Amino acid sequence: MQTFEVSRRLAIWTLVGVCALSAAIGSSITLLAQTGPPGTEGERGAAGPRGAEGREGPEGEVESTDFGFLEGEIEELAAELGDLGATEGRVEELEEDLVVVEEVVEELCFEVELSC
């Protein structure tokens, strides 16, 4: 009986490679199926009878769905995003301040080293 030993790292990389290869093959087949060559077109059928001119549809109102609840949700999300934009600006300001503080600390440490 023969044995075959491989390291754990090689086994993991082999498994990842096989999975990536199978995903690539599946994607390629799907892409080919979606973008295949066009088929032949049949002949155009006979034209149907022309409708009556000057006729209007029935009068009345069309009921539509109330989207008021969605408008409220959108406004809440917009308010939160506005807050995120302000927070993002504040983070940038703090990062700039941190750079200045780091420079001052480096200068102080350099002066302390010189005085010792």
PDB file of N, CA and C in Angstrom:
ATOM      1  N   MET A   1       0.838  -1.168   0.000  1.00  0.00           N
ATOM      2  CA  MET A   1       0.000   0.000   0.000  1.00  0.00           C
ATOM      3  C   MET A   1       0.890   1.240   0.000  1.00  0.00           C
ATOM      4  N   GLN A   2       0.622   2.146  -0.940  1.00  0.00           N
ATOM      5  CA  GLN A   2       1.412   3.369  -1.024  1.00  0.00           C
ATOM      6  C   GLN A   2       0.683   4.502  -0.323  1.00  0.00           C
ATOM      7  N   THR A   3       1.464   5.390   0.282  1.00  0.00           N
ATOM      8  CA  THR A   3       0.879   6.571   0.909  1.00  0.00           C
ATOM      9  C   THR A   3       1.405   7.807   0.196  1.00  0.00           C
ATOM     10  N   PHE A   4       0.611   8.833   0.246  1.00  0.00           N
ATOM     11  CA  PHE A   4       0.965  10.084  -0.400  1.00  0.00           C
ATOM     12  C   PHE A   4       0.739  11.186   0.622  1.00  0.00           C
ATOM     13  N   GLU A   5       1.781  11.901   0.990  1.00  0.00           N
ATOM     14  CA  GLU A   5       1.670  12.937   2.008  1.00  0.00           C
ATOM     15  C   GLU A   5       1.840  14.304   1.370  1.00  0.00           C
ATOM     16  N   VAL A   6       0.981  15.231   1.784  1.00  0.00           N
ATOM     17  CA  VAL A   6       1.102  16.629   1.358  1.00  0.00           C
ATOM     18  C   VAL A   6       0.941  17.501   2.594  1.00  0.00           C
ATOM     19  N   SER A   7       1.513  18.675   2.518  1.00  0.00           N
ATOM     20  CA  SER A   7       1.386  19.590   3.649  1.00  0.00           C
ATOM     21  C   SER A   7      -0.029  20.163   3.688  1.00  0.00           C
ATOM     22  N   ARG A   8      -0.399  20.675   4.821  1.00  0.00           N
ATOM     23  CA  ARG A   8      -1.732  21.259   4.993  1.00  0.00           C
ATOM     24  C   ARG A   8      -1.898  22.463   4.063  1.00  0.00           C
ATOM     25  N   ARG A   9      -0.840  23.264   3.944  1.00  0.00           N
ATOM     26  CA  ARG A   9      -0.896  24.454   3.096  1.00  0.00           C
ATOM     27  C   ARG A   9      -1.143  24.060   1.638  1.00  0.00           C
ATOM     28  N   LEU A  10      -0.438  23.042   1.151  1.00  0.00           N
ATOM     29  CA  LEU A  10      -0.615  22.591  -0.223  1.00  0.00           C
ATOM     30  C   LEU A  10      -2.026  22.048  -0.441  1.00  0.00           C
ATOM     31  N   ALA A  11      -2.553  21.331   0.530  1.00  0.00           N
ATOM     32  CA  ALA A  11      -3.913  20.786   0.409  1.00  0.00           C
ATOM     33  C   ALA A  11      -4.936  21.912   0.336  1.00  0.00           C
ATOM     34  N   ILE A  12      -4.752  22.943   1.158  1.00  0.00           N
ATOM     35  CA  ILE A  12      -5.692  24.073   1.159  1.00  0.00           C
ATOM     36  C   ILE A  12      -5.615  24.816  -0.171  1.00  0.00           C
ATOM     37  N   TRP A  13      -4.396  25.093  -0.646  1.00  0.00           N
ATOM     38  CA  TRP A  13      -4.248  25.800  -1.914  1.00  0.00           C
ATOM     39  C   TRP A  13      -4.798  24.985  -3.080  1.00  0.00           C
ATOM     40  N   THR A  14      -4.643  23.684  -3.019  1.00  0.00           N
ATOM     41  CA  THR A  14      -5.201  22.835  -4.066  1.00  0.00           C
ATOM     42  C   THR A  14      -6.723  22.913  -4.063  1.00  0.00           C
ATOM     43  N   LEU A  15      -7.320  22.860  -2.894  1.00  0.00           N
ATOM     44  CA  LEU A  15      -8.771  22.956  -2.775  1.00  0.00           C
ATOM     45  C   LEU A  15      -9.272  24.309  -3.263  1.00  0.00           C
ATOM     46  N   VAL A  16      -8.594  25.379  -2.882  1.00  0.00           N
ATOM     47  CA  VAL A  16      -8.988  26.719  -3.335  1.00  0.00           C
ATOM     48  C   VAL A  16      -8.857  26.818  -4.855  1.00  0.00           C
ATOM     49  N   GLY A  17      -7.773  26.267  -5.406  1.00  0.00           N
ATOM     50  CA  GLY A  17      -7.580  26.311  -6.850  1.00  0.00           C
ATOM     51  C   GLY A  17      -8.662  25.569  -7.604  1.00  0.00           C
ATOM     52  N   VAL A  18      -9.037  24.383  -7.108  1.00  0.00           N
ATOM     53  CA  VAL A  18     -10.087  23.605  -7.754  1.00  0.00           C
ATOM     54  C   VAL A  18     -11.418  24.353  -7.693  1.00  0.00           C
ATOM     55  N   CYS A  19     -11.711  24.966  -6.557  1.00  0.00           N
ATOM     56  CA  CYS A  19     -12.967  25.725  -6.428  1.00  0.00           C
ATOM     57  C   CYS A  19     -12.971  26.924  -7.370  1.00  0.00           C
ATOM     58  N   ALA A  20     -11.854  27.650  -7.447  1.00  0.00           N
ATOM     59  CA  ALA A  20     -11.782  28.812  -8.334  1.00  0.00           C
ATOM     60  C   ALA A  20     -11.911  28.388  -9.789  1.00  0.00           C
ATOM     61  N   LEU A  21     -11.278  27.289 -10.147  1.00  0.00           N
ATOM     62  CA  LEU A  21     -11.357  26.797 -11.513  1.00  0.00           C
ATOM     63  C   LEU A  21     -12.786  26.391 -11.878  1.00  0.00           C
ATOM     64  N   SER A  22     -13.464  25.700 -10.967  1.00  0.00           N
ATOM     65  CA  SER A  22     -14.842  25.288 -11.263  1.00  0.00           C
ATOM     66  C   SER A  22     -15.769  26.498 -11.352  1.00  0.00           C
ATOM     67  N   ALA A  23     -15.535  27.521 -10.532  1.00  0.00           N
ATOM     68  CA  ALA A  23     -16.345  28.740 -10.608  1.00  0.00           C
ATOM     69  C   ALA A  23     -16.101  29.457 -11.934  1.00  0.00           C
ATOM     70  N   ALA A  24     -14.853  29.489 -12.382  1.00  0.00           N
ATOM     71  CA  ALA A  24     -14.536  30.140 -13.656  1.00  0.00           C
ATOM     72  C   ALA A  24     -15.180  29.402 -14.818  1.00  0.00           C
ATOM     73  N   ILE A  25     -15.158  28.080 -14.779  1.00  0.00           N
ATOM     74  CA  ILE A  25     -15.785  27.297 -15.848  1.00  0.00           C
ATOM     75  C   ILE A  25     -17.290  27.537 -15.859  1.00  0.00           C
ATOM     76  N   GLY A  26     -17.911  27.529 -14.697  1.00  0.00           N
ATOM     77  CA  GLY A  26     -19.353  27.776 -14.621  1.00  0.00           C
ATOM     78  C   GLY A  26     -19.716  29.161 -15.129  1.00  0.00           C
ATOM     79  N   SER A  27     -18.924  30.174 -14.761  1.00  0.00           N
ATOM     80  CA  SER A  27     -19.190  31.534 -15.228  1.00  0.00           C
ATOM     81  C   SER A  27     -19.024  31.633 -16.725  1.00  0.00           C
ATOM     82  N   SER A  28     -18.013  30.977 -17.256  1.00  0.00           N
ATOM     83  CA  SER A  28     -17.788  31.010 -18.706  1.00  0.00           C
ATOM     84  C   SER A  28     -18.948  30.379 -19.456  1.00  0.00           C
ATOM     85  N   ILE A  29     -19.420  29.251 -18.971  1.00  0.00           N
ATOM     86  CA  ILE A  29     -20.548  28.578 -19.631  1.00  0.00           C
ATOM     87  C   ILE A  29     -21.793  29.457 -19.576  1.00  0.00           C
ATOM     88  N   THR A  30     -22.042  30.090 -18.439  1.00  0.00           N
ATOM     89  CA  THR A  30     -23.191  30.980 -18.300  1.00  0.00           C
ATOM     90  C   THR A  30     -23.068  32.159 -19.250  1.00  0.00           C
ATOM     91  N   LEU A  31     -21.870  32.739 -19.342  1.00  0.00           N
ATOM     92  CA  LEU A  31     -21.659  33.865 -20.241  1.00  0.00           C
ATOM     93  C   LEU A  31     -21.877  33.457 -21.692  1.00  0.00           C
ATOM     94  N   LEU A  32     -21.387  32.300 -22.066  1.00  0.00           N
ATOM     95  CA  LEU A  32     -21.599  31.822 -23.429  1.00  0.00           C
ATOM     96  C   LEU A  32     -23.074  31.587 -23.714  1.00  0.00           C
ATOM     97  N   ALA A  33     -23.801  31.081 -22.740  1.00  0.00           N
ATOM     98  CA  ALA A  33     -25.229  30.827 -22.930  1.00  0.00           C
ATOM     99  C   ALA A  33     -26.000  32.133 -23.101  1.00  0.00           C
ATOM    100  N   GLN A  34     -25.562  33.182 -22.411  1.00  0.00           N
ATOM    101  CA  GLN A  34     -26.266  34.460 -22.500  1.00  0.00           C
ATOM    102  C   GLN A  34     -25.924  35.213 -23.780  1.00  0.00           C
ATOM    103  N   THR A  35     -24.709  35.054 -24.270  1.00  0.00           N
ATOM    104  CA  THR A  35     -24.279  35.838 -25.420  1.00  0.00           C
ATOM    105  C   THR A  35     -24.057  34.980 -26.653  1.00  0.00           C
ATOM    106  N   GLY A  36     -24.801  33.916 -26.770  1.00  0.00           N
ATOM    107  CA  GLY A  36     -24.645  33.015 -27.903  1.00  0.00           C
ATOM    108  C   GLY A  36     -25.028  33.679 -29.210  1.00  0.00           C
ATOM    109  N   PRO A  37     -24.821  32.999 -30.316  1.00  0.00           N
ATOM    110  CA  PRO A  37     -25.140  33.578 -31.621  1.00  0.00           C
ATOM    111  C   PRO A  37     -26.650  33.731 -31.782  1.00  0.00           C
ATOM    112  N   PRO A  38     -27.078  34.755 -32.531  1.00  0.00           N
ATOM    113  CA  PRO A  38     -28.522  34.956 -32.712  1.00  0.00           C
ATOM    114  C   PRO A  38     -29.119  33.852 -33.576  1.00  0.00           C
ATOM    115  N   GLY A  39     -30.345  33.506 -33.275  1.00  0.00           N
ATOM    116  CA  GLY A  39     -31.034  32.489 -34.046  1.00  0.00           C
ATOM    117  C   GLY A  39     -31.665  33.087 -35.295  1.00  0.00           C
ATOM    118  N   THR A  40     -32.244  32.236 -36.119  1.00  0.00           N
ATOM    119  CA  THR A  40     -32.898  32.711 -37.340  1.00  0.00           C
ATOM    120  C   THR A  40     -34.254  33.293 -36.972  1.00  0.00           C
ATOM    121  N   GLU A  41     -34.652  34.310 -37.723  1.00  0.00           N
ATOM    122  CA  GLU A  41     -35.936  34.956 -37.468  1.00  0.00           C
ATOM    123  C   GLU A  41     -36.977  34.421 -38.444  1.00  0.00           C
ATOM    124  N   GLY A  42     -38.173  34.256 -37.946  1.00  0.00           N
ATOM    125  CA  GLY A  42     -39.252  33.783 -38.805  1.00  0.00           C
ATOM    126  C   GLY A  42     -39.863  34.910 -39.611  1.00  0.00           C
ATOM    127  N   GLU A  43     -40.838  34.545 -40.467  1.00  0.00           N
ATOM    128  CA  GLU A  43     -41.503  35.546 -41.287  1.00  0.00           C
ATOM    129  C   GLU A  43     -42.492  36.324 -40.432  1.00  0.00           C
ATOM    130  N   ARG A  44     -42.709  37.573 -40.817  1.00  0.00           N
ATOM    131  CA  ARG A  44     -43.650  38.423 -40.095  1.00  0.00           C
ATOM    132  C   ARG A  44     -45.074  37.973 -40.407  1.00  0.00           C
ATOM    133  N   GLY A  45     -45.885  37.927 -39.375  1.00  0.00           N
ATOM    134  CA  GLY A  45     -47.264  37.498 -39.546  1.00  0.00           C
ATOM    135  C   GLY A  45     -48.132  38.570 -40.188  1.00  0.00           C
ATOM    136  N   ALA A  46     -49.375  38.209 -40.468  1.00  0.00           N
ATOM    137  CA  ALA A  46     -50.313  39.147 -41.091  1.00  0.00           C
ATOM    138  C   ALA A  46     -50.705  40.220 -40.088  1.00  0.00           C
ATOM    139  N   ALA A  47     -50.942  41.429 -40.622  1.00  0.00           N
ATOM    140  CA  ALA A  47     -51.334  42.552 -39.763  1.00  0.00           C
ATOM    141  C   ALA A  47     -52.764  42.354 -39.287  1.00  0.00           C
ATOM    142  N   GLY A  48     -53.026  42.703 -38.053  1.00  0.00           N
ATOM    143  CA  GLY A  48     -54.362  42.566 -37.497  1.00  0.00           C
ATOM    144  C   GLY A  48     -55.264  43.704 -37.929  1.00  0.00           C
ATOM    145  N   PRO A  49     -56.554  43.613 -37.613  1.00  0.00           N
ATOM    146  CA  PRO A  49     -57.491  44.663 -38.010  1.00  0.00           C
ATOM    147  C   PRO A  49     -57.214  45.951 -37.240  1.00  0.00           C
ATOM    148  N   ARG A  50     -57.448  47.067 -37.877  1.00  0.00           N
ATOM    149  CA  ARG A  50     -57.216  48.377 -37.279  1.00  0.00           C
ATOM    150  C   ARG A  50     -58.369  48.696 -36.339  1.00  0.00           C
ATOM    151  N   GLY A  51     -58.030  49.306 -35.216  1.00  0.00           N
ATOM    152  CA  GLY A  51     -59.035  49.656 -34.218  1.00  0.00           C
ATOM    153  C   GLY A  51     -59.853  50.873 -34.630  1.00  0.00           C
ATOM    154  N   ALA A  52     -60.960  51.086 -33.925  1.00  0.00           N
ATOM    155  CA  ALA A  52     -61.841  52.215 -34.214  1.00  0.00           C
ATOM    156  C   ALA A  52     -61.160  53.510 -33.787  1.00  0.00           C
ATOM    157  N   GLU A  53     -61.259  54.541 -34.628  1.00  0.00           N
ATOM    158  CA  GLU A  53     -60.637  55.821 -34.312  1.00  0.00           C
ATOM    159  C   GLU A  53     -61.623  56.680 -33.545  1.00  0.00           C
ATOM    160  N   GLY A  54     -61.069  57.531 -32.678  1.00  0.00           N
ATOM    161  CA  GLY A  54     -61.902  58.474 -31.947  1.00  0.00           C
ATOM    162  C   GLY A  54     -62.548  57.888 -30.703  1.00  0.00           C
ATOM    163  N   ARG A  55     -62.326  56.654 -30.392  1.00  0.00           N
ATOM    164  CA  ARG A  55     -62.904  56.053 -29.196  1.00  0.00           C
ATOM    165  C   ARG A  55     -62.014  56.333 -28.011  1.00  0.00           C
ATOM    166  N   GLU A  56     -62.619  56.654 -26.931  1.00  0.00           N
ATOM    167  CA  GLU A  56     -61.875  56.890 -25.706  1.00  0.00           C
ATOM    168  C   GLU A  56     -62.227  55.802 -24.714  1.00  0.00           C
ATOM    169  N   GLY A  57     -61.329  55.579 -23.795  1.00  0.00           N
ATOM    170  CA  GLY A  57     -61.569  54.583 -22.775  1.00  0.00           C
ATOM    171  C   GLY A  57     -62.588  55.062 -21.753  1.00  0.00           C
ATOM    172  N   PRO A  58     -62.955  54.187 -20.846  1.00  0.00           N
ATOM    173  CA  PRO A  58     -63.939  54.572 -19.833  1.00  0.00           C
ATOM    174  C   PRO A  58     -63.375  55.628 -18.883  1.00  0.00           C
ATOM    175  N   GLU A  59     -64.265  56.500 -18.412  1.00  0.00           N
ATOM    176  CA  GLU A  59     -63.847  57.535 -17.484  1.00  0.00           C
ATOM    177  C   GLU A  59     -63.797  56.964 -16.076  1.00  0.00           C
ATOM    178  N   GLY A  60     -62.953  57.571 -15.271  1.00  0.00           N
ATOM    179  CA  GLY A  60     -62.845  57.137 -13.894  1.00  0.00           C
ATOM    180  C   GLY A  60     -61.444  57.416 -13.358  1.00  0.00           C
ATOM    181  N   GLU A  61     -61.238  57.095 -12.115  1.00  0.00           N
ATOM    182  CA  GLU A  61     -59.949  57.312 -11.490  1.00  0.00           C
ATOM    183  C   GLU A  61     -59.235  55.980 -11.315  1.00  0.00           C
ATOM    184  N   VAL A  62     -57.944  56.052 -11.411  1.00  0.00           N
ATOM    185  CA  VAL A  62     -57.138  54.866 -11.216  1.00  0.00           C
ATOM    186  C   VAL A  62     -56.568  54.914  -9.805  1.00  0.00           C
ATOM    187  N   GLU A  63     -56.769  53.850  -9.069  1.00  0.00           N
ATOM    188  CA  GLU A  63     -56.230  53.805  -7.715  1.00  0.00           C
ATOM    189  C   GLU A  63     -54.756  53.443  -7.778  1.00  0.00           C
ATOM    190  N   SER A  64     -53.975  54.155  -6.986  1.00  0.00           N
ATOM    191  CA  SER A  64     -52.545  53.848  -6.945  1.00  0.00           C
ATOM    192  C   SER A  64     -52.153  53.524  -5.510  1.00  0.00           C
ATOM    193  N   THR A  65     -51.032  52.888  -5.389  1.00  0.00           N
ATOM    194  CA  THR A  65     -50.539  52.500  -4.079  1.00  0.00           C
ATOM    195  C   THR A  65     -50.008  53.725  -3.349  1.00  0.00           C
ATOM    196  N   ASP A  66     -50.241  53.793  -2.054  1.00  0.00           N
ATOM    197  CA  ASP A  66     -49.746  54.895  -1.235  1.00  0.00           C
ATOM    198  C   ASP A  66     -48.295  54.610  -0.857  1.00  0.00           C
ATOM    199  N   PHE A  67     -47.407  55.449  -1.341  1.00  0.00           N
ATOM    200  CA  PHE A  67     -45.992  55.275  -1.050  1.00  0.00           C
ATOM    201  C   PHE A  67     -45.507  56.243   0.024  1.00  0.00           C
ATOM    202  N   GLY A  68     -46.410  56.779   0.813  1.00  0.00           N
ATOM    203  CA  GLY A  68     -46.035  57.730   1.863  1.00  0.00           C
ATOM    204  C   GLY A  68     -45.063  57.131   2.867  1.00  0.00           C
ATOM    205  N   PHE A  69     -45.264  55.876   3.235  1.00  0.00           N
ATOM    206  CA  PHE A  69     -44.367  55.240   4.209  1.00  0.00           C
ATOM    207  C   PHE A  69     -42.943  55.140   3.656  1.00  0.00           C
ATOM    208  N   LEU A  70     -42.818  54.933   2.342  1.00  0.00           N
ATOM    209  CA  LEU A  70     -41.484  54.869   1.739  1.00  0.00           C
ATOM    210  C   LEU A  70     -40.806  56.233   1.740  1.00  0.00           C
ATOM    211  N   GLU A  71     -41.601  57.285   1.515  1.00  0.00           N
ATOM    212  CA  GLU A  71     -41.034  58.628   1.524  1.00  0.00           C
ATOM    213  C   GLU A  71     -40.462  58.954   2.899  1.00  0.00           C
ATOM    214  N   GLY A  72     -41.161  58.529   3.954  1.00  0.00           N
ATOM    215  CA  GLY A  72     -40.651  58.746   5.313  1.00  0.00           C
ATOM    216  C   GLY A  72     -39.339  58.000   5.548  1.00  0.00           C
ATOM    217  N   GLU A  73     -39.275  56.768   5.085  1.00  0.00           N
ATOM    218  CA  GLU A  73     -38.048  55.974   5.224  1.00  0.00           C
ATOM    219  C   GLU A  73     -36.892  56.630   4.478  1.00  0.00           C
ATOM    220  N   ILE A  74     -37.176  57.116   3.270  1.00  0.00           N
ATOM    221  CA  ILE A  74     -36.132  57.760   2.468  1.00  0.00           C
ATOM    222  C   ILE A  74     -35.633  59.018   3.160  1.00  0.00           C
ATOM    223  N   GLU A  75     -36.541  59.793   3.732  1.00  0.00           N
ATOM    224  CA  GLU A  75     -36.127  61.003   4.445  1.00  0.00           C
ATOM    225  C   GLU A  75     -35.267  60.664   5.660  1.00  0.00           C
ATOM    226  N   GLU A  76     -35.621  59.611   6.385  1.00  0.00           N
ATOM    227  CA  GLU A  76     -34.816  59.194   7.531  1.00  0.00           C
ATOM    228  C   GLU A  76     -33.420  58.764   7.098  1.00  0.00           C
ATOM    229  N   LEU A  77     -33.351  57.975   6.017  1.00  0.00           N
ATOM    230  CA  LEU A  77     -32.053  57.546   5.503  1.00  0.00           C
ATOM    231  C   LEU A  77     -31.217  58.730   5.030  1.00  0.00           C
ATOM    232  N   ALA A  78     -31.865  59.705   4.397  1.00  0.00           N
ATOM    233  CA  ALA A  78     -31.140  60.888   3.933  1.00  0.00           C
ATOM    234  C   ALA A  78     -30.583  61.670   5.121  1.00  0.00           C
ATOM    235  N   ALA A  79     -31.369  61.752   6.206  1.00  0.00           N
ATOM    236  CA  ALA A  79     -30.880  62.443   7.405  1.00  0.00           C
ATOM    237  C   ALA A  79     -29.685  61.709   7.999  1.00  0.00           C
ATOM    238  N   GLU A  80     -29.752  60.372   8.053  1.00  0.00           N
ATOM    239  CA  GLU A  80     -28.627  59.592   8.578  1.00  0.00           C
ATOM    240  C   GLU A  80     -27.395  59.750   7.700  1.00  0.00           C
ATOM    241  N   LEU A  81     -27.578  59.753   6.397  1.00  0.00           N
ATOM    242  CA  LEU A  81     -26.445  59.916   5.493  1.00  0.00           C
ATOM    243  C   LEU A  81     -25.836  61.301   5.641  1.00  0.00           C
ATOM    244  N   GLY A  82     -26.671  62.300   5.866  1.00  0.00           N
ATOM    245  CA  GLY A  82     -26.154  63.645   6.115  1.00  0.00           C
ATOM    246  C   GLY A  82     -25.282  63.654   7.351  1.00  0.00           C
ATOM    247  N   ASP A  83     -25.734  62.943   8.404  1.00  0.00           N
ATOM    248  CA  ASP A  83     -24.943  62.843   9.625  1.00  0.00           C
ATOM    249  C   ASP A  83     -23.633  62.119   9.364  1.00  0.00           C
ATOM    250  N   LEU A  84     -23.663  61.102   8.517  1.00  0.00           N
ATOM    251  CA  LEU A  84     -22.441  60.370   8.185  1.00  0.00           C
ATOM    252  C   LEU A  84     -21.465  61.269   7.447  1.00  0.00           C
ATOM    253  N   GLY A  85     -21.973  62.118   6.562  1.00  0.00           N
ATOM    254  CA  GLY A  85     -21.107  63.041   5.843  1.00  0.00           C
ATOM    255  C   GLY A  85     -20.416  63.997   6.800  1.00  0.00           C
ATOM    256  N   ALA A  86     -21.158  64.492   7.798  1.00  0.00           N
ATOM    257  CA  ALA A  86     -20.561  65.378   8.791  1.00  0.00           C
ATOM    258  C   ALA A  86     -19.531  64.627   9.618  1.00  0.00           C
ATOM    259  N   THR A  87     -19.842  63.385   9.971  1.00  0.00           N
ATOM    260  CA  THR A  87     -18.914  62.572  10.748  1.00  0.00           C
ATOM    261  C   THR A  87     -17.645  62.308   9.945  1.00  0.00           C
ATOM    262  N   GLU A  88     -17.798  62.063   8.670  1.00  0.00           N
ATOM    263  CA  GLU A  88     -16.643  61.811   7.814  1.00  0.00           C
ATOM    264  C   GLU A  88     -15.730  63.039   7.772  1.00  0.00           C
ATOM    265  N   GLY A  89     -16.339  64.209   7.654  1.00  0.00           N
ATOM    266  CA  GLY A  89     -15.561  65.448   7.658  1.00  0.00           C
ATOM    267  C   GLY A  89     -14.834  65.642   8.969  1.00  0.00           C
ATOM    268  N   ARG A  90     -15.505  65.313  10.068  1.00  0.00           N
ATOM    269  CA  ARG A  90     -14.890  65.455  11.392  1.00  0.00           C
ATOM    270  C   ARG A  90     -13.720  64.486  11.553  1.00  0.00           C
ATOM    271  N   VAL A  91     -13.854  63.264  11.024  1.00  0.00           N
ATOM    272  CA  VAL A  91     -12.771  62.286  11.095  1.00  0.00           C
ATOM    273  C   VAL A  91     -11.552  62.807  10.340  1.00  0.00           C
ATOM    274  N   GLU A  92     -11.773  63.410   9.174  1.00  0.00           N
ATOM    275  CA  GLU A  92     -10.658  63.962   8.406  1.00  0.00           C
ATOM    276  C   GLU A  92      -9.960  65.073   9.190  1.00  0.00           C
ATOM    277  N   GLU A  93     -10.747  65.951   9.840  1.00  0.00           N
ATOM    278  CA  GLU A  93     -10.159  67.007  10.657  1.00  0.00           C
ATOM    279  C   GLU A  93      -9.324  66.421  11.792  1.00  0.00           C
ATOM    280  N   LEU A  94      -9.853  65.383  12.438  1.00  0.00           N
ATOM    281  CA  LEU A  94      -9.125  64.758  13.539  1.00  0.00           C
ATOM    282  C   LEU A  94      -7.831  64.108  13.058  1.00  0.00           C
ATOM    283  N   GLU A  95      -7.864  63.500  11.872  1.00  0.00           N
ATOM    284  CA  GLU A  95      -6.649  62.904  11.326  1.00  0.00           C
ATOM    285  C   GLU A  95      -5.590  63.960  11.060  1.00  0.00           C
ATOM    286  N   GLU A  96      -6.007  65.116  10.529  1.00  0.00           N
ATOM    287  CA  GLU A  96      -5.068  66.213  10.300  1.00  0.00           C
ATOM    288  C   GLU A  96      -4.490  66.710  11.617  1.00  0.00           C
ATOM    289  N   ASP A  97      -5.346  66.846  12.644  1.00  0.00           N
ATOM    290  CA  ASP A  97      -4.869  67.272  13.962  1.00  0.00           C
ATOM    291  C   ASP A  97      -3.895  66.252  14.539  1.00  0.00           C
ATOM    292  N   LEU A  98      -4.155  64.986  14.306  1.00  0.00           N
ATOM    293  CA  LEU A  98      -3.289  63.929  14.817  1.00  0.00           C
ATOM    294  C   LEU A  98      -1.898  64.026  14.201  1.00  0.00           C
ATOM    295  N   VAL A  99      -1.835  64.348  12.917  1.00  0.00           N
ATOM    296  CA  VAL A  99      -0.537  64.503  12.258  1.00  0.00           C
ATOM    297  C   VAL A  99       0.251  65.625  12.922  1.00  0.00           C
ATOM    298  N   VAL A 100      -0.413  66.737  13.220  1.00  0.00           N
ATOM    299  CA  VAL A 100       0.254  67.862  13.880  1.00  0.00           C
ATOM    300  C   VAL A 100       0.736  67.452  15.268  1.00  0.00           C
ATOM    301  N   VAL A 101      -0.103  66.740  16.013  1.00  0.00           N
ATOM    302  CA  VAL A 101       0.268  66.301  17.362  1.00  0.00           C
ATOM    303  C   VAL A 101       1.455  65.337  17.294  1.00  0.00           C
ATOM    304  N   GLU A 102       1.453  64.430  16.321  1.00  0.00           N
ATOM    305  CA  GLU A 102       2.579  63.501  16.176  1.00  0.00           C
ATOM    306  C   GLU A 102       3.871  64.244  15.908  1.00  0.00           C
ATOM    307  N   GLU A 103       3.820  65.292  15.081  1.00  0.00           N
ATOM    308  CA  GLU A 103       5.017  66.084  14.796  1.00  0.00           C
ATOM    309  C   GLU A 103       5.527  66.762  16.060  1.00  0.00           C
ATOM    310  N   VAL A 104       4.624  67.320  16.866  1.00  0.00           N
ATOM    311  CA  VAL A 104       5.016  67.991  18.109  1.00  0.00           C
ATOM    312  C   VAL A 104       5.634  66.984  19.071  1.00  0.00           C
ATOM    313  N   VAL A 105       5.030  65.796  19.174  1.00  0.00           N
ATOM    314  CA  VAL A 105       5.559  64.766  20.078  1.00  0.00           C
ATOM    315  C   VAL A 105       6.944  64.329  19.618  1.00  0.00           C
ATOM    316  N   GLU A 106       7.146  64.189  18.322  1.00  0.00           N
ATOM    317  CA  GLU A 106       8.464  63.813  17.801  1.00  0.00           C
ATOM    318  C   GLU A 106       9.500  64.875  18.139  1.00  0.00           C
ATOM    319  N   GLU A 107       9.134  66.151  18.003  1.00  0.00           N
ATOM    320  CA  GLU A 107      10.061  67.231  18.346  1.00  0.00           C
ATOM    321  C   GLU A 107      10.404  67.207  19.829  1.00  0.00           C
ATOM    322  N   LEU A 108       9.389  66.999  20.673  1.00  0.00           N
ATOM    323  CA  LEU A 108       9.630  66.952  22.118  1.00  0.00           C
ATOM    324  C   LEU A 108      10.533  65.780  22.483  1.00  0.00           C
ATOM    325  N   CYS A 109      10.280  64.639  21.880  1.00  0.00           N
ATOM    326  CA  CYS A 109      11.114  63.471  22.168  1.00  0.00           C
ATOM    327  C   CYS A 109      12.548  63.714  21.720  1.00  0.00           C
ATOM    328  N   PHE A 110      12.722  64.386  20.583  1.00  0.00           N
ATOM    329  CA  PHE A 110      14.057  64.680  20.083  1.00  0.00           C
ATOM    330  C   PHE A 110      14.778  65.628  21.044  1.00  0.00           C
ATOM    331  N   GLU A 111      14.046  66.657  21.560  1.00  0.00           N
ATOM    332  CA  GLU A 111      14.642  67.605  22.500  1.00  0.00           C
ATOM    333  C   GLU A 111      14.992  66.922  23.813  1.00  0.00           C
ATOM    334  N   VAL A 112      14.151  65.999  24.268  1.00  0.00           N
ATOM    335  CA  VAL A 112      14.412  65.277  25.515  1.00  0.00           C
ATOM    336  C   VAL A 112      15.652  64.410  25.349  1.00  0.00           C
ATOM    337  N   GLU A 113      15.821  63.765  24.197  1.00  0.00           N
ATOM    338  CA  GLU A 113      16.996  62.941  23.942  1.00  0.00           C
ATOM    339  C   GLU A 113      18.264  63.780  23.923  1.00  0.00           C
ATOM    340  N   LEU A 114      18.179  64.982  23.384  1.00  0.00           N
ATOM    341  CA  LEU A 114      19.364  65.853  23.322  1.00  0.00           C
ATOM    342  C   LEU A 114      19.765  66.345  24.714  1.00  0.00           C
ATOM    343  N   SER A 115      18.779  66.581  25.575  1.00  0.00           N
ATOM    344  CA  SER A 115      19.095  67.136  26.898  1.00  0.00           C
ATOM    345  C   SER A 115      19.633  66.055  27.845  1.00  0.00           C
ATOM    346  N   CYS A 116      19.418  64.795  27.535  1.00  0.00           N
ATOM    347  CA  CYS A 116      19.881  63.731  28.414  1.00  0.00           C
ATOM    348  C   CYS A 116      21.276  63.453  28.191  1.00  0.00           C
TER     349      CYS A 116
END
